[in-house]
Amino acid sequence: MDFEPLGLATDLVILTVRDGRLQVLLIRRGIPPYQGRWALPGGFVRPDEDLETTARRELAEETGLSAERIHLEQVATYGAPDRDPRGRVVSVAYLALVPDLPAPVAGSDAASASWVDATDVLDDSGRLAFDHHQILADGVERARAKLEYSPLATAFCPLEFTISELRGVYEAVWGLPLDPRNFHRKVTKTPDFVASAGTTTTRDGGRPAQLFHRGTATTLHPPMTRT
């Protein structure tokens, strides 16, 4: 029995919170297939590379962003027979949630690279090349789940932050408004989620608000829930 040659690739869902919105890093493809279409960064695995090495190399080559300090985790593997018009290609998708990344610079086979509002992309199922809409949807859902059971949201805040600023991160990632009083109660009642910095600020406007910093918890008990 003859077998069709199999290609192995990686794709990256790089998310951040900018200007109060959840944004995803996209590249505009400079070569066929799907030339001119937006896509997630990624590419083929070289013979001498493992999967994560490929993901980090492609991120640097296509966007100019250094991936050395970015924590990547696998989301899922995608292997539909018709997902790539060039032939049978299986892709392993990686997720990274990162604060304070600079503007990307296109390189390699990318015509341009940009931070784009993730909700806008998800609302347009035909906007991305390949099956990247599904990969992005899965990555965003993983990110939303991580905010339920980990203190990851604090990484998108200043070193000292108000509960209102922390709530803004949750609202951006989850894509829904949260009741300020209930959110404040849940955060401050969750053991070691946040700790008081002992100072206040007026940068939110109005009355002085208490400042906090990240606590010592690595998992949240009970978890924050989107309901």
N, C-alpha and C. Protein backbone atom coordinates (compact mmCIF):
# COMPACT_ATOMS: atom_id res chain seq x y z
N MET A 1 0.84 -1.20 0.00
CA MET A 1 0.00 0.00 0.00
C MET A 1 0.88 1.24 0.00
N ASP A 2 0.57 2.18 -0.88
CA ASP A 2 1.32 3.43 -0.93
C ASP A 2 0.70 4.44 0.03
N PHE A 3 1.58 5.17 0.70
CA PHE A 3 1.13 6.18 1.65
C PHE A 3 1.53 7.57 1.15
N GLU A 4 0.62 8.52 1.30
CA GLU A 4 0.91 9.89 0.92
C GLU A 4 1.93 10.49 1.88
N PRO A 5 2.93 11.21 1.36
CA PRO A 5 3.90 11.86 2.25
C PRO A 5 3.19 12.78 3.25
N LEU A 6 3.70 12.79 4.48
CA LEU A 6 3.06 13.54 5.55
C LEU A 6 3.97 14.68 5.99
N GLY A 7 3.43 15.89 6.01
CA GLY A 7 4.17 17.04 6.52
C GLY A 7 3.78 17.33 7.96
N LEU A 8 4.74 17.83 8.74
CA LEU A 8 4.50 18.17 10.14
C LEU A 8 4.81 19.65 10.34
N ALA A 9 3.88 20.35 10.97
CA ALA A 9 4.02 21.79 11.15
C ALA A 9 3.58 22.20 12.54
N THR A 10 3.87 23.45 12.90
CA THR A 10 3.36 24.04 14.14
C THR A 10 2.68 25.35 13.81
N ASP A 11 1.65 25.70 14.58
CA ASP A 11 0.99 26.99 14.48
C ASP A 11 0.91 27.59 15.88
N LEU A 12 0.90 28.92 15.96
CA LEU A 12 0.95 29.58 17.25
C LEU A 12 -0.22 30.52 17.46
N VAL A 13 -0.87 30.40 18.61
CA VAL A 13 -1.89 31.34 19.05
C VAL A 13 -1.25 32.20 20.13
N ILE A 14 -0.83 33.42 19.76
CA ILE A 14 -0.18 34.33 20.69
C ILE A 14 -1.19 35.40 21.07
N LEU A 15 -1.58 35.44 22.33
CA LEU A 15 -2.61 36.35 22.80
C LEU A 15 -2.04 37.35 23.81
N THR A 16 -2.59 38.55 23.78
CA THR A 16 -2.24 39.56 24.78
C THR A 16 -3.46 40.45 25.00
N VAL A 17 -3.40 41.26 26.04
CA VAL A 17 -4.44 42.25 26.31
C VAL A 17 -3.84 43.61 26.05
N ARG A 18 -4.39 44.30 25.04
CA ARG A 18 -3.93 45.63 24.65
C ARG A 18 -5.13 46.56 24.52
N ASP A 19 -5.02 47.73 25.13
CA ASP A 19 -6.10 48.72 25.06
C ASP A 19 -7.43 48.14 25.52
N GLY A 20 -7.37 47.28 26.53
CA GLY A 20 -8.59 46.72 27.09
C GLY A 20 -9.25 45.65 26.25
N ARG A 21 -8.57 45.13 25.25
CA ARG A 21 -9.12 44.13 24.34
C ARG A 21 -8.17 42.93 24.25
N LEU A 22 -8.75 41.74 24.09
CA LEU A 22 -7.95 40.56 23.83
C LEU A 22 -7.52 40.58 22.37
N GLN A 23 -6.22 40.54 22.12
CA GLN A 23 -5.71 40.61 20.76
C GLN A 23 -4.85 39.39 20.45
N VAL A 24 -4.85 39.03 19.16
CA VAL A 24 -4.09 37.88 18.69
C VAL A 24 -3.07 38.35 17.66
N LEU A 25 -1.93 37.72 17.66
CA LEU A 25 -0.88 38.05 16.71
C LEU A 25 -1.12 37.30 15.40
N LEU A 26 -1.28 38.04 14.31
CA LEU A 26 -1.52 37.45 13.00
C LEU A 26 -0.46 37.92 12.01
N ILE A 27 -0.23 37.09 10.99
CA ILE A 27 0.63 37.48 9.89
C ILE A 27 -0.19 37.43 8.60
N ARG A 28 0.14 38.31 7.66
CA ARG A 28 -0.49 38.25 6.35
C ARG A 28 0.44 37.47 5.43
N ARG A 29 -0.06 36.37 4.87
CA ARG A 29 0.79 35.47 4.10
C ARG A 29 1.31 36.15 2.83
N GLY A 30 2.62 36.00 2.62
CA GLY A 30 3.25 36.60 1.46
C GLY A 30 3.46 35.64 0.31
N ILE A 31 3.14 34.37 0.51
CA ILE A 31 3.33 33.35 -0.52
C ILE A 31 2.09 32.46 -0.58
N PRO A 32 1.90 31.73 -1.72
CA PRO A 32 0.80 30.77 -1.79
C PRO A 32 1.07 29.60 -0.84
N PRO A 33 0.04 28.87 -0.43
CA PRO A 33 -1.38 29.14 -0.68
C PRO A 33 -1.91 30.24 0.23
N TYR A 34 -3.06 30.74 -0.11
CA TYR A 34 -3.72 31.79 0.65
C TYR A 34 -2.88 33.07 0.71
N GLN A 35 -2.16 33.37 -0.36
CA GLN A 35 -1.36 34.59 -0.38
C GLN A 35 -2.25 35.80 -0.15
N GLY A 36 -1.82 36.67 0.76
CA GLY A 36 -2.59 37.86 1.10
C GLY A 36 -3.59 37.69 2.22
N ARG A 37 -3.84 36.46 2.65
CA ARG A 37 -4.80 36.19 3.74
C ARG A 37 -4.09 36.25 5.09
N TRP A 38 -4.85 36.59 6.11
CA TRP A 38 -4.33 36.55 7.47
C TRP A 38 -4.23 35.11 7.94
N ALA A 39 -3.25 34.85 8.79
CA ALA A 39 -3.04 33.50 9.32
C ALA A 39 -2.31 33.60 10.65
N LEU A 40 -2.34 32.52 11.38
CA LEU A 40 -1.52 32.42 12.59
C LEU A 40 -0.06 32.20 12.19
N PRO A 41 0.90 32.68 12.98
CA PRO A 41 2.30 32.36 12.69
C PRO A 41 2.53 30.86 12.79
N GLY A 42 3.44 30.35 11.99
CA GLY A 42 3.76 28.92 12.04
C GLY A 42 4.48 28.47 10.80
N GLY A 43 4.83 27.20 10.78
CA GLY A 43 5.54 26.66 9.62
C GLY A 43 5.94 25.22 9.82
N PHE A 44 6.68 24.69 8.86
CA PHE A 44 7.03 23.27 8.85
C PHE A 44 8.19 22.97 9.81
N VAL A 45 8.14 21.77 10.38
CA VAL A 45 9.20 21.29 11.26
C VAL A 45 10.37 20.81 10.42
N ARG A 46 11.56 21.30 10.74
CA ARG A 46 12.77 20.86 10.05
C ARG A 46 13.25 19.51 10.61
N PRO A 47 14.03 18.76 9.82
CA PRO A 47 14.45 17.42 10.27
C PRO A 47 15.21 17.42 11.59
N ASP A 48 15.93 18.50 11.89
CA ASP A 48 16.75 18.53 13.10
C ASP A 48 16.07 19.26 14.25
N GLU A 49 14.74 19.51 14.16
CA GLU A 49 14.05 20.27 15.19
C GLU A 49 13.00 19.44 15.91
N ASP A 50 12.79 19.78 17.20
CA ASP A 50 11.59 19.28 17.85
C ASP A 50 10.48 20.30 17.64
N LEU A 51 9.28 19.98 18.10
CA LEU A 51 8.12 20.81 17.80
C LEU A 51 8.23 22.21 18.40
N GLU A 52 8.63 22.31 19.64
CA GLU A 52 8.68 23.62 20.28
C GLU A 52 9.76 24.50 19.68
N THR A 53 10.88 23.89 19.29
CA THR A 53 11.93 24.65 18.62
C THR A 53 11.41 25.27 17.34
N THR A 54 10.64 24.50 16.58
CA THR A 54 10.05 25.02 15.35
C THR A 54 9.11 26.18 15.65
N ALA A 55 8.27 26.02 16.66
CA ALA A 55 7.31 27.08 17.00
C ALA A 55 8.03 28.38 17.35
N ARG A 56 9.09 28.28 18.13
CA ARG A 56 9.82 29.49 18.53
C ARG A 56 10.57 30.10 17.34
N ARG A 57 11.13 29.27 16.49
CA ARG A 57 11.83 29.80 15.32
C ARG A 57 10.86 30.51 14.38
N GLU A 58 9.71 29.90 14.14
CA GLU A 58 8.75 30.51 13.23
C GLU A 58 8.22 31.83 13.78
N LEU A 59 8.02 31.91 15.08
CA LEU A 59 7.55 33.15 15.67
C LEU A 59 8.57 34.26 15.42
N ALA A 60 9.85 33.96 15.63
CA ALA A 60 10.89 34.96 15.43
C ALA A 60 11.02 35.33 13.95
N GLU A 61 10.98 34.33 13.07
CA GLU A 61 11.18 34.59 11.65
C GLU A 61 10.03 35.37 11.03
N GLU A 62 8.80 35.07 11.43
CA GLU A 62 7.64 35.67 10.77
C GLU A 62 7.19 36.98 11.40
N THR A 63 7.58 37.24 12.65
CA THR A 63 7.09 38.44 13.32
C THR A 63 8.21 39.31 13.90
N GLY A 64 9.43 38.78 13.99
CA GLY A 64 10.51 39.53 14.59
C GLY A 64 10.48 39.56 16.10
N LEU A 65 9.54 38.86 16.74
CA LEU A 65 9.44 38.83 18.19
C LEU A 65 10.29 37.70 18.76
N SER A 66 11.03 37.98 19.79
CA SER A 66 11.83 36.96 20.44
C SER A 66 10.93 36.04 21.25
N ALA A 67 11.12 34.74 21.07
CA ALA A 67 10.28 33.77 21.77
C ALA A 67 11.01 33.12 22.94
N GLU A 68 12.19 33.59 23.26
CA GLU A 68 13.01 32.92 24.28
C GLU A 68 12.33 32.89 25.64
N ARG A 69 11.64 33.97 26.00
CA ARG A 69 11.06 34.05 27.34
C ARG A 69 9.55 33.81 27.35
N ILE A 70 9.01 33.39 26.22
CA ILE A 70 7.57 33.14 26.13
C ILE A 70 7.28 31.70 26.47
N HIS A 71 6.37 31.49 27.41
CA HIS A 71 5.97 30.13 27.77
C HIS A 71 4.94 29.63 26.76
N LEU A 72 5.26 28.51 26.10
CA LEU A 72 4.36 27.91 25.13
C LEU A 72 3.78 26.61 25.69
N GLU A 73 2.52 26.38 25.42
CA GLU A 73 1.92 25.10 25.79
C GLU A 73 1.08 24.59 24.63
N GLN A 74 1.08 23.28 24.46
CA GLN A 74 0.34 22.69 23.35
C GLN A 74 -1.16 22.80 23.60
N VAL A 75 -1.88 23.13 22.54
CA VAL A 75 -3.34 23.22 22.60
C VAL A 75 -3.96 21.93 22.07
N ALA A 76 -3.63 21.57 20.83
CA ALA A 76 -4.20 20.38 20.20
C ALA A 76 -3.43 20.10 18.92
N THR A 77 -3.75 18.96 18.31
CA THR A 77 -3.16 18.56 17.03
C THR A 77 -4.26 18.53 15.98
N TYR A 78 -3.97 19.06 14.79
CA TYR A 78 -4.97 19.19 13.73
C TYR A 78 -4.48 18.42 12.51
N GLY A 79 -5.30 17.47 12.04
CA GLY A 79 -4.85 16.61 10.97
C GLY A 79 -5.90 16.25 9.95
N ALA A 80 -6.89 17.11 9.73
CA ALA A 80 -7.89 16.83 8.69
C ALA A 80 -7.19 16.67 7.34
N PRO A 81 -7.60 15.68 6.53
CA PRO A 81 -6.90 15.40 5.27
C PRO A 81 -6.84 16.59 4.33
N ASP A 82 -7.83 17.48 4.35
CA ASP A 82 -7.89 18.58 3.40
C ASP A 82 -7.55 19.93 4.04
N ARG A 83 -6.88 19.94 5.18
CA ARG A 83 -6.63 21.21 5.87
C ARG A 83 -5.58 22.07 5.18
N ASP A 84 -4.75 21.49 4.33
CA ASP A 84 -3.70 22.23 3.63
C ASP A 84 -3.71 21.83 2.16
N PRO A 85 -3.92 22.78 1.23
CA PRO A 85 -3.99 22.42 -0.19
C PRO A 85 -2.68 21.92 -0.77
N ARG A 86 -1.57 22.07 -0.03
CA ARG A 86 -0.28 21.59 -0.54
C ARG A 86 -0.10 20.09 -0.35
N GLY A 87 -0.97 19.46 0.43
CA GLY A 87 -0.85 18.04 0.71
C GLY A 87 -1.22 17.74 2.14
N ARG A 88 -0.95 16.52 2.55
CA ARG A 88 -1.33 16.09 3.90
C ARG A 88 -0.36 16.69 4.93
N VAL A 89 -0.86 17.58 5.75
CA VAL A 89 -0.04 18.27 6.75
C VAL A 89 -0.75 18.20 8.10
N VAL A 90 -0.04 17.72 9.09
CA VAL A 90 -0.52 17.70 10.47
C VAL A 90 0.15 18.84 11.22
N SER A 91 -0.65 19.61 11.95
CA SER A 91 -0.09 20.74 12.69
C SER A 91 -0.36 20.61 14.18
N VAL A 92 0.65 20.92 14.97
CA VAL A 92 0.53 20.98 16.42
C VAL A 92 0.46 22.45 16.82
N ALA A 93 -0.62 22.84 17.47
CA ALA A 93 -0.83 24.25 17.82
C ALA A 93 -0.33 24.52 19.23
N TYR A 94 0.29 25.68 19.39
CA TYR A 94 0.79 26.14 20.68
C TYR A 94 0.09 27.43 21.08
N LEU A 95 -0.07 27.62 22.38
CA LEU A 95 -0.68 28.82 22.93
C LEU A 95 0.33 29.54 23.82
N ALA A 96 0.35 30.87 23.71
CA ALA A 96 1.11 31.70 24.64
C ALA A 96 0.26 32.91 25.00
N LEU A 97 0.23 33.24 26.28
CA LEU A 97 -0.45 34.44 26.75
C LEU A 97 0.62 35.35 27.33
N VAL A 98 0.80 36.51 26.72
CA VAL A 98 1.96 37.33 27.05
C VAL A 98 1.56 38.80 27.20
N PRO A 99 2.11 39.49 28.20
CA PRO A 99 1.86 40.92 28.34
C PRO A 99 2.97 41.75 27.71
N ASP A 100 2.64 42.97 27.33
CA ASP A 100 3.64 43.99 26.99
C ASP A 100 4.57 43.59 25.86
N LEU A 101 4.06 42.91 24.84
CA LEU A 101 4.90 42.63 23.67
C LEU A 101 4.91 43.84 22.74
N PRO A 102 6.05 44.11 22.10
CA PRO A 102 6.12 45.24 21.18
C PRO A 102 5.39 44.94 19.87
N ALA A 103 5.31 45.93 19.01
CA ALA A 103 4.72 45.73 17.69
C ALA A 103 5.56 44.75 16.90
N PRO A 104 4.94 43.78 16.23
CA PRO A 104 5.70 42.80 15.46
C PRO A 104 6.20 43.38 14.14
N VAL A 105 7.26 42.77 13.61
CA VAL A 105 7.82 43.16 12.32
C VAL A 105 7.84 41.92 11.43
N ALA A 106 7.19 42.01 10.27
CA ALA A 106 7.08 40.85 9.40
C ALA A 106 8.43 40.44 8.84
N GLY A 107 8.58 39.14 8.60
CA GLY A 107 9.78 38.61 7.98
C GLY A 107 9.48 37.27 7.36
N SER A 108 10.49 36.57 6.89
CA SER A 108 10.33 35.24 6.30
C SER A 108 9.29 35.30 5.19
N ASP A 109 8.25 34.42 5.24
CA ASP A 109 7.23 34.41 4.18
C ASP A 109 5.99 35.20 4.57
N ALA A 110 6.10 36.09 5.57
CA ALA A 110 4.97 36.93 5.98
C ALA A 110 5.10 38.30 5.33
N ALA A 111 4.01 38.78 4.73
CA ALA A 111 4.01 40.10 4.12
C ALA A 111 3.86 41.19 5.17
N SER A 112 3.16 40.90 6.26
CA SER A 112 3.00 41.84 7.36
C SER A 112 2.60 41.06 8.60
N ALA A 113 2.73 41.72 9.74
CA ALA A 113 2.35 41.11 11.01
C ALA A 113 1.71 42.17 11.88
N SER A 114 0.69 41.78 12.64
CA SER A 114 -0.05 42.79 13.41
C SER A 114 -0.82 42.14 14.55
N TRP A 115 -1.04 42.94 15.61
CA TRP A 115 -1.98 42.56 16.64
C TRP A 115 -3.39 42.90 16.16
N VAL A 116 -4.32 41.95 16.27
CA VAL A 116 -5.67 42.12 15.76
C VAL A 116 -6.66 41.71 16.86
N ASP A 117 -7.77 42.40 16.94
CA ASP A 117 -8.79 42.09 17.94
C ASP A 117 -9.28 40.66 17.74
N ALA A 118 -9.11 39.82 18.76
CA ALA A 118 -9.43 38.40 18.63
C ALA A 118 -10.92 38.17 18.41
N THR A 119 -11.77 38.97 19.05
CA THR A 119 -13.20 38.80 18.88
C THR A 119 -13.62 39.08 17.45
N ASP A 120 -13.06 40.13 16.85
CA ASP A 120 -13.39 40.45 15.47
C ASP A 120 -13.01 39.30 14.54
N VAL A 121 -11.87 38.68 14.80
CA VAL A 121 -11.42 37.56 13.95
C VAL A 121 -12.34 36.36 14.14
N LEU A 122 -12.69 36.07 15.38
CA LEU A 122 -13.55 34.91 15.65
C LEU A 122 -14.94 35.10 15.06
N ASP A 123 -15.39 36.35 14.95
CA ASP A 123 -16.71 36.61 14.39
C ASP A 123 -16.75 36.46 12.87
N ASP A 124 -15.59 36.33 12.24
CA ASP A 124 -15.51 36.19 10.78
C ASP A 124 -14.81 34.87 10.46
N SER A 125 -15.58 33.82 10.28
CA SER A 125 -15.02 32.48 10.13
C SER A 125 -14.20 32.31 8.85
N GLY A 126 -14.34 33.20 7.88
CA GLY A 126 -13.59 33.08 6.64
C GLY A 126 -12.38 33.98 6.56
N ARG A 127 -12.03 34.63 7.65
CA ARG A 127 -10.95 35.61 7.60
C ARG A 127 -9.56 34.98 7.56
N LEU A 128 -9.39 33.83 8.21
CA LEU A 128 -8.07 33.23 8.34
C LEU A 128 -7.86 32.11 7.34
N ALA A 129 -6.60 31.90 6.97
CA ALA A 129 -6.23 30.83 6.05
C ALA A 129 -6.30 29.48 6.76
N PHE A 130 -6.28 28.42 5.93
CA PHE A 130 -6.25 27.04 6.44
C PHE A 130 -7.42 26.82 7.41
N ASP A 131 -7.16 26.10 8.49
CA ASP A 131 -8.17 25.89 9.54
C ASP A 131 -7.83 26.73 10.77
N HIS A 132 -7.20 27.87 10.54
CA HIS A 132 -6.70 28.67 11.65
C HIS A 132 -7.82 29.30 12.48
N HIS A 133 -9.01 29.46 11.91
CA HIS A 133 -10.13 29.95 12.71
C HIS A 133 -10.44 28.97 13.84
N GLN A 134 -10.45 27.68 13.54
CA GLN A 134 -10.71 26.67 14.57
C GLN A 134 -9.58 26.63 15.59
N ILE A 135 -8.34 26.73 15.12
CA ILE A 135 -7.20 26.72 16.03
C ILE A 135 -7.27 27.92 16.97
N LEU A 136 -7.59 29.11 16.42
CA LEU A 136 -7.71 30.29 17.25
C LEU A 136 -8.84 30.13 18.27
N ALA A 137 -9.98 29.62 17.83
CA ALA A 137 -11.10 29.42 18.75
C ALA A 137 -10.71 28.49 19.90
N ASP A 138 -10.00 27.43 19.59
CA ASP A 138 -9.56 26.50 20.63
C ASP A 138 -8.55 27.16 21.57
N GLY A 139 -7.65 27.97 21.00
CA GLY A 139 -6.66 28.65 21.83
C GLY A 139 -7.29 29.67 22.75
N VAL A 140 -8.25 30.43 22.25
CA VAL A 140 -8.92 31.42 23.08
C VAL A 140 -9.71 30.75 24.20
N GLU A 141 -10.35 29.63 23.89
CA GLU A 141 -11.08 28.92 24.93
C GLU A 141 -10.13 28.40 26.01
N ARG A 142 -8.96 27.91 25.60
CA ARG A 142 -7.97 27.47 26.58
C ARG A 142 -7.54 28.63 27.46
N ALA A 143 -7.31 29.80 26.86
CA ALA A 143 -6.92 30.98 27.63
C ALA A 143 -8.00 31.37 28.62
N ARG A 144 -9.25 31.33 28.18
CA ARG A 144 -10.35 31.70 29.07
C ARG A 144 -10.44 30.73 30.24
N ALA A 145 -10.21 29.46 29.97
CA ALA A 145 -10.24 28.47 31.05
C ALA A 145 -9.09 28.68 32.03
N LYS A 146 -7.93 29.06 31.52
CA LYS A 146 -6.77 29.25 32.41
C LYS A 146 -7.03 30.38 33.40
N LEU A 147 -7.78 31.39 32.99
CA LEU A 147 -8.09 32.47 33.92
C LEU A 147 -9.05 32.03 35.01
N GLU A 148 -9.75 30.93 34.79
CA GLU A 148 -10.66 30.43 35.82
C GLU A 148 -9.90 29.80 36.97
N TYR A 149 -8.84 29.04 36.66
CA TYR A 149 -8.20 28.26 37.72
C TYR A 149 -6.76 28.67 38.03
N SER A 150 -6.24 29.73 37.38
CA SER A 150 -4.89 30.19 37.68
C SER A 150 -4.88 31.70 37.84
N PRO A 151 -3.84 32.26 38.50
CA PRO A 151 -3.74 33.70 38.66
C PRO A 151 -3.11 34.39 37.46
N LEU A 152 -3.19 33.78 36.28
CA LEU A 152 -2.55 34.29 35.08
C LEU A 152 -2.93 35.74 34.77
N ALA A 153 -4.16 36.14 35.08
CA ALA A 153 -4.62 37.49 34.73
C ALA A 153 -3.74 38.57 35.35
N THR A 154 -3.13 38.29 36.48
CA THR A 154 -2.30 39.30 37.13
C THR A 154 -1.06 39.64 36.30
N ALA A 155 -0.67 38.74 35.39
CA ALA A 155 0.50 39.00 34.55
C ALA A 155 0.24 40.12 33.56
N PHE A 156 -1.03 40.44 33.29
CA PHE A 156 -1.38 41.49 32.35
C PHE A 156 -1.62 42.82 33.04
N CYS A 157 -1.38 42.87 34.35
CA CYS A 157 -1.57 44.08 35.13
C CYS A 157 -0.22 44.68 35.51
N PRO A 158 -0.20 45.95 35.94
CA PRO A 158 1.03 46.50 36.52
C PRO A 158 1.43 45.69 37.75
N LEU A 159 2.67 45.89 38.22
CA LEU A 159 3.12 45.16 39.41
C LEU A 159 2.19 45.41 40.59
N GLU A 160 1.68 46.61 40.70
CA GLU A 160 0.65 46.94 41.68
C GLU A 160 -0.59 47.40 40.92
N PHE A 161 -1.73 46.81 41.20
CA PHE A 161 -2.93 47.03 40.41
C PHE A 161 -4.15 47.13 41.31
N THR A 162 -5.19 47.72 40.76
CA THR A 162 -6.47 47.77 41.46
C THR A 162 -7.30 46.55 41.04
N ILE A 163 -8.30 46.26 41.83
CA ILE A 163 -9.21 45.17 41.47
C ILE A 163 -9.95 45.52 40.18
N SER A 164 -10.22 46.80 39.96
CA SER A 164 -10.87 47.22 38.73
C SER A 164 -9.99 46.91 37.51
N GLU A 165 -8.69 47.14 37.61
CA GLU A 165 -7.78 46.83 36.52
C GLU A 165 -7.72 45.33 36.27
N LEU A 166 -7.71 44.54 37.34
CA LEU A 166 -7.72 43.09 37.19
C LEU A 166 -9.02 42.63 36.54
N ARG A 167 -10.13 43.24 36.95
CA ARG A 167 -11.41 42.89 36.33
C ARG A 167 -11.40 43.19 34.84
N GLY A 168 -10.75 44.27 34.44
CA GLY A 168 -10.66 44.62 33.03
C GLY A 168 -9.98 43.54 32.21
N VAL A 169 -8.98 42.87 32.79
CA VAL A 169 -8.31 41.77 32.09
C VAL A 169 -9.28 40.61 31.91
N TYR A 170 -9.98 40.25 32.96
CA TYR A 170 -10.95 39.16 32.86
C TYR A 170 -12.04 39.48 31.83
N GLU A 171 -12.52 40.71 31.83
CA GLU A 171 -13.56 41.08 30.88
C GLU A 171 -13.05 41.03 29.45
N ALA A 172 -11.78 41.42 29.25
CA ALA A 172 -11.20 41.40 27.90
C ALA A 172 -11.04 39.96 27.39
N VAL A 173 -10.53 39.09 28.24
CA VAL A 173 -10.28 37.71 27.82
C VAL A 173 -11.58 36.92 27.71
N TRP A 174 -12.45 37.07 28.68
CA TRP A 174 -13.71 36.32 28.66
C TRP A 174 -14.72 36.92 27.70
N GLY A 175 -14.56 38.20 27.36
CA GLY A 175 -15.48 38.83 26.43
C GLY A 175 -16.86 39.08 26.99
N LEU A 176 -16.94 39.37 28.29
CA LEU A 176 -18.24 39.66 28.90
C LEU A 176 -18.05 40.58 30.10
N PRO A 177 -19.07 41.38 30.41
CA PRO A 177 -18.97 42.29 31.57
C PRO A 177 -19.15 41.52 32.87
N LEU A 178 -18.48 41.97 33.90
CA LEU A 178 -18.56 41.34 35.21
C LEU A 178 -19.05 42.34 36.24
N ASP A 179 -19.86 41.88 37.18
CA ASP A 179 -20.36 42.74 38.23
C ASP A 179 -19.21 43.15 39.14
N PRO A 180 -18.94 44.43 39.28
CA PRO A 180 -17.78 44.88 40.06
C PRO A 180 -17.77 44.37 41.50
N ARG A 181 -18.92 44.41 42.18
CA ARG A 181 -18.94 44.00 43.58
C ARG A 181 -18.70 42.50 43.73
N ASN A 182 -19.37 41.71 42.91
CA ASN A 182 -19.17 40.26 42.99
C ASN A 182 -17.73 39.89 42.65
N PHE A 183 -17.16 40.56 41.63
CA PHE A 183 -15.79 40.26 41.25
C PHE A 183 -14.83 40.61 42.39
N HIS A 184 -15.01 41.77 42.99
CA HIS A 184 -14.15 42.19 44.10
C HIS A 184 -14.22 41.18 45.24
N ARG A 185 -15.43 40.73 45.54
CA ARG A 185 -15.60 39.78 46.63
C ARG A 185 -14.90 38.45 46.31
N LYS A 186 -15.08 37.96 45.08
CA LYS A 186 -14.48 36.68 44.72
C LYS A 186 -12.95 36.75 44.76
N VAL A 187 -12.39 37.83 44.23
CA VAL A 187 -10.93 37.94 44.19
C VAL A 187 -10.35 38.02 45.60
N THR A 188 -10.92 38.87 46.42
CA THR A 188 -10.34 39.07 47.75
C THR A 188 -10.63 37.91 48.70
N LYS A 189 -11.64 37.09 48.39
CA LYS A 189 -11.93 35.92 49.23
C LYS A 189 -11.17 34.67 48.79
N THR A 190 -10.58 34.69 47.58
CA THR A 190 -9.83 33.52 47.11
C THR A 190 -8.47 33.52 47.76
N PRO A 191 -8.13 32.47 48.52
CA PRO A 191 -6.88 32.47 49.28
C PRO A 191 -5.65 32.70 48.41
N ASP A 192 -4.85 33.71 48.78
CA ASP A 192 -3.53 33.98 48.19
C ASP A 192 -3.59 34.36 46.70
N PHE A 193 -4.75 34.75 46.21
CA PHE A 193 -4.85 35.21 44.84
C PHE A 193 -4.15 36.55 44.71
N VAL A 194 -4.54 37.53 45.54
CA VAL A 194 -3.90 38.83 45.56
C VAL A 194 -3.57 39.18 47.01
N ALA A 195 -2.64 40.12 47.15
CA ALA A 195 -2.26 40.61 48.47
C ALA A 195 -2.23 42.12 48.45
N SER A 196 -2.63 42.74 49.54
CA SER A 196 -2.66 44.20 49.60
C SER A 196 -1.26 44.78 49.52
N ALA A 197 -1.12 45.84 48.71
CA ALA A 197 0.17 46.53 48.61
C ALA A 197 0.30 47.61 49.69
N GLY A 198 -0.78 47.87 50.41
CA GLY A 198 -0.73 48.84 51.49
C GLY A 198 -0.82 50.28 51.05
N THR A 199 -1.12 50.52 49.78
CA THR A 199 -1.23 51.88 49.27
C THR A 199 -2.49 52.00 48.41
N THR A 200 -2.80 53.23 48.01
CA THR A 200 -3.97 53.47 47.17
C THR A 200 -3.56 54.30 45.95
N THR A 201 -4.48 54.40 44.99
CA THR A 201 -4.25 55.19 43.78
C THR A 201 -5.55 55.81 43.33
N THR A 202 -5.45 56.88 42.57
CA THR A 202 -6.63 57.52 41.98
C THR A 202 -6.61 57.41 40.46
N ARG A 203 -5.75 56.55 39.91
CA ARG A 203 -5.63 56.49 38.45
C ARG A 203 -6.87 55.91 37.78
N ASP A 204 -7.73 55.21 38.54
CA ASP A 204 -8.99 54.73 37.98
C ASP A 204 -10.04 55.84 37.93
N GLY A 205 -9.73 56.98 38.54
CA GLY A 205 -10.71 58.05 38.64
C GLY A 205 -11.57 57.87 39.88
N GLY A 206 -12.14 58.95 40.35
CA GLY A 206 -13.01 58.85 41.52
C GLY A 206 -12.22 58.74 42.81
N ARG A 207 -12.78 58.00 43.77
CA ARG A 207 -12.16 57.88 45.07
C ARG A 207 -10.90 57.02 45.00
N PRO A 208 -9.98 57.19 45.97
CA PRO A 208 -8.77 56.36 45.98
C PRO A 208 -9.13 54.88 46.05
N ALA A 209 -8.44 54.06 45.26
CA ALA A 209 -8.67 52.62 45.23
C ALA A 209 -7.45 51.90 45.78
N GLN A 210 -7.71 50.84 46.51
CA GLN A 210 -6.63 50.07 47.12
C GLN A 210 -5.82 49.35 46.05
N LEU A 211 -4.50 49.31 46.24
CA LEU A 211 -3.61 48.62 45.32
C LEU A 211 -3.28 47.23 45.87
N PHE A 212 -3.13 46.30 44.94
CA PHE A 212 -2.79 44.91 45.27
C PHE A 212 -1.63 44.46 44.41
N HIS A 213 -1.01 43.36 44.81
CA HIS A 213 -0.05 42.68 43.95
C HIS A 213 -0.38 41.19 43.96
N ARG A 214 0.22 40.45 43.06
CA ARG A 214 -0.07 39.02 42.94
C ARG A 214 0.30 38.31 44.23
N GLY A 215 -0.57 37.38 44.65
CA GLY A 215 -0.29 36.58 45.83
C GLY A 215 0.57 35.38 45.50
N THR A 216 0.58 34.42 46.40
CA THR A 216 1.45 33.25 46.26
C THR A 216 0.76 32.05 45.63
N ALA A 217 -0.53 32.15 45.37
CA ALA A 217 -1.27 31.00 44.83
C ALA A 217 -0.82 30.68 43.40
N THR A 218 -0.74 29.40 43.10
CA THR A 218 -0.48 28.95 41.72
C THR A 218 -1.75 28.42 41.07
N THR A 219 -2.71 28.01 41.88
CA THR A 219 -4.04 27.63 41.39
C THR A 219 -5.07 28.32 42.29
N LEU A 220 -6.25 28.56 41.75
CA LEU A 220 -7.28 29.28 42.48
C LEU A 220 -8.31 28.30 43.03
N HIS A 221 -8.55 28.38 44.35
CA HIS A 221 -9.54 27.55 45.02
C HIS A 221 -10.39 28.44 45.91
N PRO A 222 -11.66 28.61 45.60
CA PRO A 222 -12.38 28.07 44.44
C PRO A 222 -12.00 28.83 43.18
N PRO A 223 -12.23 28.25 42.02
CA PRO A 223 -11.88 28.92 40.78
C PRO A 223 -12.79 30.11 40.51
N MET A 224 -12.29 31.04 39.71
CA MET A 224 -13.13 32.10 39.16
C MET A 224 -13.96 31.49 38.04
N THR A 225 -15.25 31.78 38.01
CA THR A 225 -16.11 31.18 36.99
C THR A 225 -16.72 32.26 36.13
N ARG A 226 -16.91 31.93 34.85
CA ARG A 226 -17.45 32.90 33.91
C ARG A 226 -18.92 33.18 34.14
N THR A 227 -19.61 32.33 34.90
CA THR A 227 -21.02 32.57 35.19
C THR A 227 -21.18 33.58 36.31
